[in-house]
N, C-alpha and C. Protein backbone atom coordinates (compact mmCIF):
# COMPACT_ATOMS: atom_id res chain seq x y z
N ASN A 1 12.06 -3.76 2.27
CA ASN A 1 11.91 -4.31 0.91
C ASN A 1 12.69 -5.60 0.74
N ILE A 2 13.90 -5.62 1.19
CA ILE A 2 14.64 -6.86 0.99
C ILE A 2 13.99 -8.10 1.77
N VAL A 3 13.50 -7.96 2.88
CA VAL A 3 12.85 -8.96 3.69
C VAL A 3 11.64 -9.45 2.96
N ARG A 4 10.73 -8.53 2.35
CA ARG A 4 9.58 -8.88 1.65
C ARG A 4 9.97 -9.53 0.36
N GLU A 5 10.96 -9.08 -0.34
CA GLU A 5 11.35 -9.64 -1.65
C GLU A 5 11.81 -11.11 -1.55
N PHE A 6 12.60 -11.41 -0.53
CA PHE A 6 13.16 -12.72 -0.43
C PHE A 6 12.55 -13.70 0.50
N SER A 7 11.70 -13.18 1.48
CA SER A 7 11.20 -14.10 2.42
C SER A 7 9.67 -14.55 2.04
N ASP A 8 8.97 -13.62 1.50
CA ASP A 8 7.57 -14.08 1.23
C ASP A 8 7.17 -13.43 -0.14
N ARG A 9 7.31 -14.14 -1.16
CA ARG A 9 6.96 -13.60 -2.49
C ARG A 9 5.43 -13.49 -2.73
N ARG A 10 4.63 -13.88 -1.75
CA ARG A 10 3.18 -13.85 -2.11
C ARG A 10 2.56 -12.41 -1.76
N THR A 11 3.26 -11.56 -0.98
CA THR A 11 2.73 -10.16 -0.66
C THR A 11 1.30 -10.20 -0.30
N LYS A 12 0.89 -10.43 0.97
CA LYS A 12 -0.47 -10.27 1.30
C LYS A 12 -0.82 -8.90 1.76
N THR A 13 0.03 -8.24 2.58
CA THR A 13 -0.21 -6.86 3.05
C THR A 13 1.18 -6.09 3.26
N VAL A 14 1.12 -4.83 3.01
CA VAL A 14 2.24 -3.98 3.28
C VAL A 14 1.78 -2.67 3.83
N ARG A 15 2.30 -2.18 4.91
CA ARG A 15 2.09 -0.77 5.38
C ARG A 15 3.28 0.04 5.17
N LEU A 16 3.12 1.22 4.51
CA LEU A 16 4.19 2.13 4.11
C LEU A 16 3.95 3.38 4.92
N GLN A 17 4.91 3.81 5.79
CA GLN A 17 4.74 4.99 6.67
C GLN A 17 5.10 6.19 5.78
N ALA A 18 4.20 7.24 5.73
CA ALA A 18 4.42 8.37 4.92
C ALA A 18 5.69 9.08 5.25
N GLU A 19 6.07 9.18 6.48
CA GLU A 19 7.29 9.88 6.85
C GLU A 19 8.62 9.23 6.32
N ALA A 20 8.41 8.01 5.91
CA ALA A 20 9.70 7.21 5.55
C ALA A 20 9.73 7.13 3.99
N VAL A 21 9.12 7.97 3.27
CA VAL A 21 9.18 8.00 1.81
C VAL A 21 10.61 8.02 1.21
N ASP A 22 10.72 7.61 0.05
CA ASP A 22 12.05 7.68 -0.70
C ASP A 22 12.31 9.02 -1.37
N GLU A 23 11.23 9.52 -1.96
CA GLU A 23 11.32 10.85 -2.75
C GLU A 23 10.14 11.66 -2.34
N PHE A 24 10.28 13.01 -2.50
CA PHE A 24 9.08 13.90 -2.31
C PHE A 24 9.28 15.11 -3.19
N GLY A 25 8.09 15.66 -3.48
CA GLY A 25 8.10 17.05 -4.15
C GLY A 25 7.56 18.04 -3.03
N GLU A 26 8.40 18.91 -2.70
CA GLU A 26 7.97 19.83 -1.54
C GLU A 26 8.11 21.32 -1.99
N ALA A 27 7.04 22.11 -1.74
CA ALA A 27 7.00 23.53 -2.19
C ALA A 27 7.81 24.49 -1.28
N THR A 28 8.01 24.05 0.00
CA THR A 28 8.67 24.96 0.95
C THR A 28 9.89 24.39 1.47
N ALA A 29 10.78 25.15 1.84
CA ALA A 29 12.12 24.71 2.46
C ALA A 29 11.92 24.44 3.93
N GLY A 30 12.64 23.35 4.41
CA GLY A 30 12.65 23.07 5.80
C GLY A 30 11.54 22.05 6.23
N ASN A 31 11.69 21.43 7.33
CA ASN A 31 10.63 20.61 7.88
C ASN A 31 9.81 21.25 8.92
N ALA A 32 8.58 21.73 8.42
CA ALA A 32 7.85 22.63 9.31
C ALA A 32 7.44 21.92 10.65
N GLY A 33 7.38 20.71 10.77
CA GLY A 33 7.09 20.01 11.97
C GLY A 33 8.31 19.63 12.80
N GLY A 34 9.43 19.62 12.17
CA GLY A 34 10.67 19.33 12.93
C GLY A 34 10.79 17.98 13.33
N ALA A 35 9.93 17.07 12.98
CA ALA A 35 9.90 15.66 13.52
C ALA A 35 10.47 14.62 12.50
N TYR A 36 10.93 13.51 13.01
CA TYR A 36 11.32 12.37 12.43
C TYR A 36 12.60 12.42 11.50
N ARG A 37 12.64 13.39 10.66
CA ARG A 37 13.75 13.40 9.70
C ARG A 37 14.19 14.85 9.37
N ASP A 38 15.41 15.01 8.87
CA ASP A 38 15.96 16.25 8.44
C ASP A 38 15.56 16.51 6.98
N GLY A 39 15.71 17.61 6.41
CA GLY A 39 15.44 17.95 5.19
C GLY A 39 14.13 18.79 4.97
N ASP A 40 13.59 18.77 3.71
CA ASP A 40 12.41 19.66 3.36
C ASP A 40 11.04 19.00 3.58
N LEU A 41 11.02 17.70 3.78
CA LEU A 41 9.69 17.01 3.99
C LEU A 41 9.12 17.43 5.29
N ASP A 42 7.85 17.94 5.32
CA ASP A 42 7.23 18.41 6.55
C ASP A 42 6.62 17.23 7.14
N VAL A 43 7.14 16.86 8.46
CA VAL A 43 6.63 15.83 9.25
C VAL A 43 6.28 16.27 10.63
N ARG A 44 5.13 15.82 11.13
CA ARG A 44 4.65 16.28 12.45
C ARG A 44 4.47 15.03 13.29
N THR A 45 4.44 15.19 14.54
CA THR A 45 4.19 14.10 15.48
C THR A 45 2.63 13.99 15.70
N ILE A 46 2.07 12.74 15.64
CA ILE A 46 0.72 12.48 15.96
C ILE A 46 0.77 12.09 17.39
N PRO A 47 -0.09 12.76 18.15
CA PRO A 47 0.01 12.48 19.71
C PRO A 47 -0.31 11.01 20.01
N GLY A 48 0.67 10.33 20.45
CA GLY A 48 0.52 9.01 21.02
C GLY A 48 0.69 7.97 19.97
N SER A 49 0.96 8.29 18.67
CA SER A 49 0.98 7.19 17.69
C SER A 49 1.96 7.42 16.56
N GLY A 50 2.88 8.14 16.56
CA GLY A 50 3.97 8.28 15.62
C GLY A 50 3.94 9.51 14.83
N TRP A 51 4.10 9.45 13.48
CA TRP A 51 4.35 10.79 12.71
C TRP A 51 3.48 10.67 11.49
N ALA A 52 3.28 11.81 10.80
CA ALA A 52 2.55 12.05 9.63
C ALA A 52 3.17 13.18 8.73
N VAL A 53 3.06 13.02 7.43
CA VAL A 53 3.55 14.09 6.56
C VAL A 53 2.28 15.04 6.65
N GLY A 54 2.79 16.41 6.87
CA GLY A 54 1.78 17.43 6.96
C GLY A 54 2.17 18.67 6.21
N TRP A 55 1.39 19.73 6.55
CA TRP A 55 1.58 21.04 5.97
C TRP A 55 1.71 20.96 4.40
N THR A 56 0.84 20.02 3.79
CA THR A 56 0.84 19.90 2.42
C THR A 56 0.27 21.03 1.61
N ASP A 57 0.79 21.34 0.55
CA ASP A 57 0.38 22.39 -0.43
C ASP A 57 -0.18 21.71 -1.68
N PRO A 58 -1.02 22.30 -2.47
CA PRO A 58 -1.53 21.65 -3.69
C PRO A 58 -0.36 21.26 -4.60
N GLY A 59 -0.37 20.04 -5.11
CA GLY A 59 0.62 19.68 -6.08
C GLY A 59 1.81 18.91 -5.44
N GLU A 60 1.97 18.98 -4.04
CA GLU A 60 3.15 18.32 -3.44
C GLU A 60 2.77 16.81 -3.59
N TRP A 61 3.88 15.98 -3.47
CA TRP A 61 3.78 14.59 -3.56
C TRP A 61 4.84 13.82 -2.82
N ILE A 62 4.52 12.54 -2.48
CA ILE A 62 5.50 11.73 -1.87
C ILE A 62 5.53 10.35 -2.60
N ARG A 63 6.74 9.73 -2.65
CA ARG A 63 6.87 8.49 -3.49
C ARG A 63 7.58 7.51 -2.68
N PHE A 64 7.15 6.25 -2.80
CA PHE A 64 7.75 5.02 -2.30
C PHE A 64 8.28 4.30 -3.53
N LYS A 65 9.62 4.16 -3.66
CA LYS A 65 10.17 3.51 -4.90
C LYS A 65 10.49 1.94 -4.60
N GLU A 66 10.48 1.26 -5.69
CA GLU A 66 10.83 -0.14 -5.66
C GLU A 66 10.20 -0.98 -4.62
N VAL A 67 8.85 -0.88 -4.44
CA VAL A 67 8.04 -1.64 -3.56
C VAL A 67 7.80 -2.96 -4.24
N PRO A 68 8.35 -4.13 -3.68
CA PRO A 68 8.16 -5.35 -4.29
C PRO A 68 6.74 -5.97 -3.99
N LEU A 69 6.05 -6.32 -5.02
CA LEU A 69 4.71 -6.95 -4.92
C LEU A 69 4.67 -8.20 -5.78
N SER A 70 3.87 -9.17 -5.35
CA SER A 70 3.65 -10.28 -6.17
C SER A 70 2.50 -9.96 -7.10
N GLU A 71 2.41 -10.73 -8.22
CA GLU A 71 1.35 -10.52 -9.16
C GLU A 71 0.03 -10.57 -8.61
N GLY A 72 -0.91 -9.57 -8.85
CA GLY A 72 -2.24 -9.74 -8.37
C GLY A 72 -2.99 -8.36 -8.24
N THR A 73 -4.12 -8.41 -7.76
CA THR A 73 -4.97 -7.18 -7.60
C THR A 73 -4.88 -6.76 -6.13
N TYR A 74 -4.65 -5.39 -6.04
CA TYR A 74 -4.46 -4.91 -4.67
C TYR A 74 -5.40 -3.67 -4.39
N ARG A 75 -5.82 -3.64 -3.13
CA ARG A 75 -6.58 -2.40 -2.65
C ARG A 75 -5.57 -1.55 -1.87
N PHE A 76 -5.54 -0.26 -2.30
CA PHE A 76 -4.61 0.71 -1.63
C PHE A 76 -5.49 1.62 -0.78
N SER A 77 -5.15 1.72 0.51
CA SER A 77 -5.89 2.55 1.53
C SER A 77 -4.89 3.51 2.10
N GLY A 78 -5.44 4.53 2.69
CA GLY A 78 -4.58 5.53 3.33
C GLY A 78 -5.15 5.89 4.72
N ARG A 79 -4.39 6.45 5.52
CA ARG A 79 -4.87 6.97 6.82
C ARG A 79 -4.50 8.42 6.91
N ALA A 80 -5.52 9.37 6.95
CA ALA A 80 -5.15 10.80 6.83
C ALA A 80 -6.08 11.58 7.68
N SER A 81 -5.73 12.78 7.92
CA SER A 81 -6.66 13.88 8.49
C SER A 81 -6.58 15.05 7.57
N SER A 82 -7.47 15.95 7.64
CA SER A 82 -7.46 17.11 6.80
C SER A 82 -7.91 18.41 7.54
N GLY A 83 -7.65 19.57 6.86
CA GLY A 83 -8.01 20.76 7.39
C GLY A 83 -9.42 21.23 7.11
N GLY A 84 -10.17 20.50 6.43
CA GLY A 84 -11.54 20.76 6.15
C GLY A 84 -12.15 19.77 5.17
N ALA A 85 -13.36 19.83 4.99
CA ALA A 85 -14.01 18.93 3.95
C ALA A 85 -13.64 19.18 2.49
N GLY A 86 -13.61 18.12 1.68
CA GLY A 86 -13.44 18.24 0.34
C GLY A 86 -12.04 18.19 -0.11
N LYS A 87 -11.07 17.88 0.82
CA LYS A 87 -9.61 17.78 0.38
C LYS A 87 -9.45 16.50 -0.45
N ARG A 88 -8.48 16.68 -1.52
CA ARG A 88 -8.39 15.54 -2.48
C ARG A 88 -6.96 15.12 -2.61
N VAL A 89 -6.80 13.88 -2.78
CA VAL A 89 -5.46 13.22 -3.09
C VAL A 89 -5.63 12.16 -4.21
N ARG A 90 -4.57 11.80 -4.81
CA ARG A 90 -4.59 10.68 -5.75
C ARG A 90 -3.32 9.82 -5.58
N LEU A 91 -3.59 8.49 -5.84
CA LEU A 91 -2.42 7.58 -5.79
C LEU A 91 -2.15 7.25 -7.27
N GLU A 92 -0.76 7.27 -7.55
CA GLU A 92 -0.32 6.78 -8.88
C GLU A 92 0.55 5.53 -8.61
N VAL A 93 0.23 4.47 -9.35
CA VAL A 93 1.02 3.19 -9.26
C VAL A 93 1.85 3.20 -10.63
N ASP A 94 3.14 3.24 -10.51
CA ASP A 94 4.00 3.19 -11.77
C ASP A 94 3.59 4.36 -12.60
N GLY A 95 3.26 5.58 -12.15
CA GLY A 95 2.93 6.70 -12.96
C GLY A 95 1.47 6.75 -13.44
N ALA A 96 0.66 5.68 -13.24
CA ALA A 96 -0.75 5.60 -13.68
C ALA A 96 -1.67 5.95 -12.51
N SER A 97 -2.52 6.94 -12.70
CA SER A 97 -3.33 7.47 -11.66
C SER A 97 -4.49 6.47 -11.39
N LEU A 98 -4.77 6.27 -10.13
CA LEU A 98 -6.05 5.53 -9.70
C LEU A 98 -7.24 6.34 -9.58
N GLY A 99 -7.06 7.60 -9.81
CA GLY A 99 -8.15 8.61 -9.71
C GLY A 99 -8.10 9.45 -8.36
N SER A 100 -8.76 10.56 -8.47
CA SER A 100 -8.81 11.46 -7.40
C SER A 100 -9.82 11.03 -6.37
N VAL A 101 -9.45 10.99 -5.08
CA VAL A 101 -10.39 10.68 -3.96
C VAL A 101 -10.44 11.74 -2.93
N THR A 102 -11.48 11.77 -2.24
CA THR A 102 -11.78 12.79 -1.08
C THR A 102 -11.31 12.18 0.13
N VAL A 103 -10.51 12.98 0.89
CA VAL A 103 -9.99 12.56 2.22
C VAL A 103 -11.13 12.75 3.24
N PRO A 104 -11.52 11.75 4.12
CA PRO A 104 -12.46 11.91 5.07
C PRO A 104 -12.15 13.14 5.99
N TYR A 105 -13.11 13.98 6.34
CA TYR A 105 -12.97 15.04 7.27
C TYR A 105 -13.67 14.64 8.51
N GLY A 106 -12.77 14.46 9.62
CA GLY A 106 -13.30 13.94 10.91
C GLY A 106 -13.39 15.12 11.89
N GLY A 107 -13.12 16.32 11.56
CA GLY A 107 -13.28 17.38 12.44
C GLY A 107 -12.06 18.05 13.03
N GLY A 108 -10.87 17.67 12.47
CA GLY A 108 -9.67 18.40 12.96
C GLY A 108 -8.44 17.51 12.61
N TRP A 109 -7.29 18.25 12.82
CA TRP A 109 -6.01 17.66 12.37
C TRP A 109 -5.66 16.26 13.04
N ASP A 110 -6.16 16.05 14.26
CA ASP A 110 -5.81 14.84 14.90
C ASP A 110 -6.88 13.80 14.79
N ALA A 111 -7.89 14.00 13.92
CA ALA A 111 -8.96 13.08 13.67
C ALA A 111 -8.61 12.27 12.37
N PHE A 112 -7.76 11.30 12.48
CA PHE A 112 -7.35 10.46 11.37
C PHE A 112 -8.41 9.45 11.02
N ASP A 113 -8.52 9.21 9.78
CA ASP A 113 -9.47 8.20 9.36
C ASP A 113 -8.91 7.45 8.14
N THR A 114 -9.42 6.24 7.88
CA THR A 114 -8.93 5.30 6.90
C THR A 114 -9.83 5.55 5.62
N PHE A 115 -9.28 5.51 4.40
CA PHE A 115 -10.08 5.58 3.22
C PHE A 115 -9.38 4.88 2.08
N THR A 116 -10.17 4.57 1.08
CA THR A 116 -9.68 3.73 -0.06
C THR A 116 -9.10 4.70 -1.12
N LEU A 117 -7.81 4.42 -1.59
CA LEU A 117 -7.25 5.21 -2.65
C LEU A 117 -7.52 4.59 -4.04
N GLY A 118 -7.89 3.32 -4.06
CA GLY A 118 -8.26 2.64 -5.26
C GLY A 118 -7.73 1.20 -5.33
N THR A 119 -7.97 0.54 -6.44
CA THR A 119 -7.50 -0.89 -6.67
C THR A 119 -6.77 -0.88 -7.99
N ARG A 120 -5.92 -1.85 -8.07
CA ARG A 120 -5.12 -2.07 -9.34
C ARG A 120 -4.46 -3.44 -9.38
N PHE A 121 -4.52 -4.00 -10.63
CA PHE A 121 -3.77 -5.18 -10.84
C PHE A 121 -2.30 -4.82 -11.20
N VAL A 122 -1.31 -5.53 -10.56
CA VAL A 122 0.11 -5.26 -10.83
C VAL A 122 0.83 -6.54 -11.19
N SER A 123 1.84 -6.51 -11.95
CA SER A 123 2.63 -7.71 -12.26
C SER A 123 3.62 -7.88 -11.15
N HIS A 124 4.23 -9.02 -11.13
CA HIS A 124 5.29 -9.37 -10.13
C HIS A 124 6.49 -8.42 -10.36
N GLY A 125 6.95 -7.82 -9.36
CA GLY A 125 8.14 -7.03 -9.45
C GLY A 125 8.11 -5.82 -8.56
N GLN A 126 8.91 -4.84 -8.74
CA GLN A 126 9.05 -3.62 -7.96
C GLN A 126 8.19 -2.54 -8.60
N HIS A 127 7.54 -1.81 -7.63
CA HIS A 127 6.67 -0.68 -8.12
C HIS A 127 6.85 0.56 -7.44
N SER A 128 6.48 1.60 -8.07
CA SER A 128 6.55 2.98 -7.56
C SER A 128 5.08 3.38 -7.06
N LEU A 129 4.99 3.89 -5.92
CA LEU A 129 3.70 4.38 -5.34
C LEU A 129 3.82 5.86 -5.02
N THR A 130 3.03 6.62 -5.66
CA THR A 130 3.17 8.12 -5.42
C THR A 130 1.80 8.66 -5.00
N VAL A 131 1.82 9.40 -3.94
CA VAL A 131 0.65 10.06 -3.46
C VAL A 131 0.76 11.58 -3.82
N VAL A 132 -0.18 12.17 -4.49
CA VAL A 132 -0.18 13.50 -4.85
C VAL A 132 -1.25 14.22 -4.02
N PHE A 133 -0.90 15.26 -3.36
CA PHE A 133 -1.83 16.06 -2.62
C PHE A 133 -2.37 17.17 -3.49
N GLU A 134 -3.58 16.82 -4.07
CA GLU A 134 -4.18 17.76 -5.07
C GLU A 134 -4.60 19.08 -4.56
N THR A 135 -5.24 19.12 -3.39
CA THR A 135 -5.71 20.33 -2.77
C THR A 135 -4.86 20.80 -1.64
N GLY A 136 -3.89 19.97 -1.10
CA GLY A 136 -3.15 20.29 0.06
C GLY A 136 -4.03 20.17 1.30
N ALA A 137 -3.48 20.70 2.44
CA ALA A 137 -4.28 20.70 3.71
C ALA A 137 -4.68 19.24 4.13
N THR A 138 -3.70 18.30 3.89
CA THR A 138 -3.95 16.90 4.21
C THR A 138 -2.75 16.41 4.89
N ASP A 139 -2.94 15.63 6.04
CA ASP A 139 -1.84 15.07 6.73
C ASP A 139 -1.95 13.56 6.56
N LEU A 140 -0.92 12.90 6.03
CA LEU A 140 -0.92 11.39 5.69
C LEU A 140 -0.08 10.66 6.67
N ASP A 141 -0.67 9.70 7.28
CA ASP A 141 -0.01 8.81 8.21
C ASP A 141 0.70 7.67 7.52
N TRP A 142 -0.16 6.85 6.76
CA TRP A 142 0.47 5.72 6.06
C TRP A 142 -0.41 5.27 4.83
N ILE A 143 0.15 4.47 4.03
CA ILE A 143 -0.56 3.76 2.92
C ILE A 143 -0.64 2.33 3.25
N PHE A 144 -1.74 1.61 3.17
CA PHE A 144 -1.83 0.21 3.37
C PHE A 144 -2.07 -0.50 2.02
N VAL A 145 -1.36 -1.52 1.73
CA VAL A 145 -1.50 -2.27 0.48
C VAL A 145 -1.97 -3.68 0.84
N LYS A 146 -3.13 -4.06 0.29
CA LYS A 146 -3.70 -5.37 0.61
C LYS A 146 -4.05 -6.11 -0.67
N LYS A 147 -3.55 -7.36 -0.78
CA LYS A 147 -3.89 -8.12 -1.99
C LYS A 147 -5.32 -8.67 -1.73
N ILE A 148 -6.13 -8.54 -2.82
CA ILE A 148 -7.52 -8.95 -2.66
C ILE A 148 -7.98 -9.99 -3.65
N ASP A 149 -6.96 -10.64 -4.27
CA ASP A 149 -7.25 -11.81 -5.12
C ASP A 149 -7.84 -12.96 -4.29
N PRO A 150 -8.74 -13.65 -4.92
CA PRO A 150 -9.26 -14.84 -4.06
C PRO A 150 -8.32 -15.95 -3.86
N ALA A 151 -8.25 -16.56 -2.74
CA ALA A 151 -7.40 -17.74 -2.48
C ALA A 151 -8.34 -18.95 -2.58
N VAL A 152 -7.79 -19.96 -3.25
CA VAL A 152 -8.58 -21.16 -3.42
C VAL A 152 -7.74 -22.42 -3.12
N GLY A 153 -8.42 -23.47 -2.92
CA GLY A 153 -7.68 -24.78 -2.88
C GLY A 153 -8.32 -25.79 -3.84
N PHE A 154 -7.52 -26.66 -4.36
CA PHE A 154 -7.87 -27.64 -5.32
C PHE A 154 -7.96 -29.05 -4.74
N ARG A 155 -8.98 -29.69 -4.94
CA ARG A 155 -9.17 -31.05 -4.41
C ARG A 155 -9.49 -32.07 -5.47
N THR A 156 -8.80 -33.13 -5.46
CA THR A 156 -8.87 -34.20 -6.50
C THR A 156 -10.10 -35.05 -6.27
N ASP A 157 -10.41 -35.93 -7.13
CA ASP A 157 -11.57 -36.86 -6.95
C ASP A 157 -11.45 -37.79 -5.85
N ASN A 158 -10.19 -38.15 -5.53
CA ASN A 158 -10.00 -38.97 -4.34
C ASN A 158 -9.98 -38.26 -2.93
N GLY A 159 -10.26 -36.95 -3.00
CA GLY A 159 -10.34 -36.18 -1.77
C GLY A 159 -9.01 -35.52 -1.30
N HIS A 160 -8.00 -35.71 -1.99
CA HIS A 160 -6.66 -35.11 -1.63
C HIS A 160 -6.54 -33.64 -2.18
N TYR A 161 -5.84 -32.87 -1.42
CA TYR A 161 -5.69 -31.45 -1.89
C TYR A 161 -4.31 -31.37 -2.64
N ILE A 162 -4.27 -30.39 -3.56
CA ILE A 162 -3.03 -30.15 -4.35
C ILE A 162 -2.19 -29.33 -3.43
N VAL A 163 -0.94 -29.60 -3.36
CA VAL A 163 0.03 -28.85 -2.48
C VAL A 163 1.24 -28.38 -3.34
N ALA A 164 1.63 -27.16 -3.06
CA ALA A 164 2.89 -26.61 -3.65
C ALA A 164 3.90 -26.50 -2.51
N GLU A 165 4.55 -27.64 -2.34
CA GLU A 165 5.54 -27.86 -1.17
C GLU A 165 6.54 -26.71 -1.15
N SER A 166 6.70 -26.07 -0.08
CA SER A 166 7.76 -25.00 0.12
C SER A 166 7.52 -23.84 -0.94
N GLY A 167 6.33 -23.60 -1.20
CA GLY A 167 6.09 -22.56 -2.17
C GLY A 167 6.04 -22.87 -3.64
N GLY A 168 6.16 -24.18 -3.88
CA GLY A 168 6.04 -24.61 -5.29
C GLY A 168 7.40 -24.50 -6.12
N GLY A 169 7.28 -24.09 -7.21
CA GLY A 169 8.51 -23.99 -8.04
C GLY A 169 8.26 -24.86 -9.31
N GLU A 170 8.70 -26.10 -9.22
CA GLU A 170 8.54 -26.92 -10.43
C GLU A 170 7.42 -27.94 -10.28
N ARG A 171 7.16 -28.41 -9.08
CA ARG A 171 6.18 -29.54 -8.93
C ARG A 171 5.13 -29.15 -7.88
N VAL A 172 3.97 -29.79 -8.16
CA VAL A 172 2.85 -29.85 -7.23
C VAL A 172 2.45 -31.28 -7.00
N TYR A 173 1.85 -31.49 -5.79
CA TYR A 173 1.48 -32.82 -5.54
C TYR A 173 0.01 -32.90 -5.09
N ALA A 174 -0.66 -34.01 -5.19
CA ALA A 174 -2.00 -34.12 -4.65
C ALA A 174 -1.99 -35.25 -3.65
N ASN A 175 -1.53 -34.92 -2.39
CA ASN A 175 -1.32 -35.98 -1.44
C ASN A 175 -1.70 -35.43 0.00
N ARG A 176 -2.41 -34.31 0.11
CA ARG A 176 -2.77 -33.71 1.37
C ARG A 176 -4.30 -34.02 1.72
N LEU A 177 -4.58 -34.37 3.01
CA LEU A 177 -5.86 -34.62 3.44
C LEU A 177 -6.61 -33.39 3.88
N ALA A 178 -5.85 -32.30 4.15
CA ALA A 178 -6.44 -31.06 4.70
C ALA A 178 -5.79 -29.91 3.90
N GLN A 179 -6.59 -28.76 3.87
CA GLN A 179 -6.11 -27.58 3.18
C GLN A 179 -5.44 -26.65 4.19
N GLY A 180 -4.14 -26.30 4.03
CA GLY A 180 -3.44 -25.37 4.85
C GLY A 180 -2.71 -24.37 3.94
N SER A 181 -1.76 -23.56 4.43
CA SER A 181 -1.19 -22.49 3.64
C SER A 181 -0.48 -23.07 2.39
N TRP A 182 0.12 -24.25 2.38
CA TRP A 182 0.81 -24.72 1.19
C TRP A 182 -0.30 -25.24 0.13
N GLU A 183 -1.41 -25.43 0.64
CA GLU A 183 -2.51 -26.03 -0.31
C GLU A 183 -3.43 -24.85 -0.73
N THR A 184 -3.00 -23.64 -0.60
CA THR A 184 -3.87 -22.49 -0.92
C THR A 184 -3.15 -21.75 -2.00
N PHE A 185 -3.94 -21.40 -3.10
CA PHE A 185 -3.36 -20.77 -4.32
C PHE A 185 -4.18 -19.51 -4.58
N THR A 186 -3.49 -18.56 -5.23
CA THR A 186 -4.16 -17.32 -5.58
C THR A 186 -4.46 -17.38 -7.12
N LEU A 187 -5.67 -17.21 -7.56
CA LEU A 187 -5.98 -17.14 -8.94
C LEU A 187 -5.60 -15.74 -9.50
N VAL A 188 -4.88 -15.85 -10.66
CA VAL A 188 -4.50 -14.58 -11.33
C VAL A 188 -5.05 -14.48 -12.75
N ASP A 189 -5.78 -13.55 -13.09
CA ASP A 189 -6.34 -13.48 -14.46
C ASP A 189 -5.30 -12.74 -15.32
N THR A 190 -4.59 -13.55 -16.16
CA THR A 190 -3.58 -12.91 -16.95
C THR A 190 -4.14 -12.50 -18.26
N ASN A 191 -5.42 -12.56 -18.51
CA ASN A 191 -6.02 -12.10 -19.81
C ASN A 191 -7.07 -11.05 -19.56
N GLY A 192 -6.86 -10.20 -18.59
CA GLY A 192 -7.76 -9.07 -18.34
C GLY A 192 -9.12 -9.42 -17.67
């Protein structure tokens, strides 16, 4: 979080590993998988690719606190497997639900698939992301956060692009002949 907050305030993508959550609501004592961390969060090893939160019961949840995001619209995705068809989770951003979604069923606990948890506009600052396991029987590997606001460049009548040198701040200039990263802007609808 410290690196994201102070090195790149634009926040294009963030991947949050489920096993590294800050808080959780767990119905059973102990780590059933015995992997990654001590405590009551159930974490299992994914063969060849890391860890996942598993052994979920209905109503359990995991939370990432103080995730710094720049202002804009984001698509939130997850990578999960389930114990059968029809398993449901929901993502809450700062306590507001993005709605219940069905976890893809690929045929077994090691058949992980990616799915969309929802989209949401957020203001610049730190945010809380909570995944609630509505039906349980879901293993979650990670959450992926991707900014989906359109990026644009502005060109003057004389053919020069507007530039926000070193990320902008107080001044912009119209003196570039080509569009690069400093000449690319994100449009933010502040009026809904």
